[in-house]
């Protein structure tokens, strides 16, 4: 556990939906880091060096590289890190958010989430936007404001998805590529046979492999993906149910309401009122 005299920590609100695909856990802020971080890290986390200077040892290098904020880096379980200020007098303001769930595991398997230590500088506009998202989330947690917290998490989730799309991936497995394509464009009317063809398989083989690797059919997986995304939009925004249904790839608002009621036991509108 970080030294609380140096870290300010916020945890999720009680009763968070803990969506299977992506969950933001503890949010931390380090106004001044006095020591270096060395050794393996236990969790997935997204980190923002808002301002400061120090050194960062990237994978495959022996000599610490000088770094200056703003910049971002990621952590994964068992990833080795060696970073921080050179001396206690150096400024180092850092935000980090621990992230959990199947979505991060998929990113990591597909090569979108870094598995080796890297530091990437970002421009001032990107840094300001990310800092604003972190501060909005901390304010929401202090005020116990679930709607504002979900809005901040949704904004950061969008940034992470956009960032992942810019990272050249390694050779993806056919199913990993299919799932990533679905997640990046859920609004499109995806055909299961089209997905099988893109994966270079017959539909029968595609479906069988999908069930073996993911424990469910491609259709049910895509439906659950859309429902989870719709749930996040319902909680984080005030957009009409019809708009959310279209955004998440349902052909009609009626089909969305039926699927949502089967999954949640109530209509999207009533669920939103009870949750928010």
Foldseek 3Di string as FASTA:
>chain_A
DDDVVFKDKFADFPPPPPQQQKDWGMKIKGFFDADKDWFFDAAKKKKFFLFWWAWWDWPPDDDTDIDTDGKIWIHHGRATITIDHPHRPIGTIMIMITMDHPNVVLCVLFALHDPITDIGHDDNVVSVVLVVLSVQLVVCRVVVPQQSNLQSVVVVVVVSLVSSVVDDTDDGQLVSVLVNVCLVQQLDQDDLQVSQVSNVHGSVVVQVVCCVVPVDGPVVVSLSSLLSQLVSCLSHHPDDLQVSCNRRHHPGSVVVQVSNCVVPVHGSVVVSVVVD
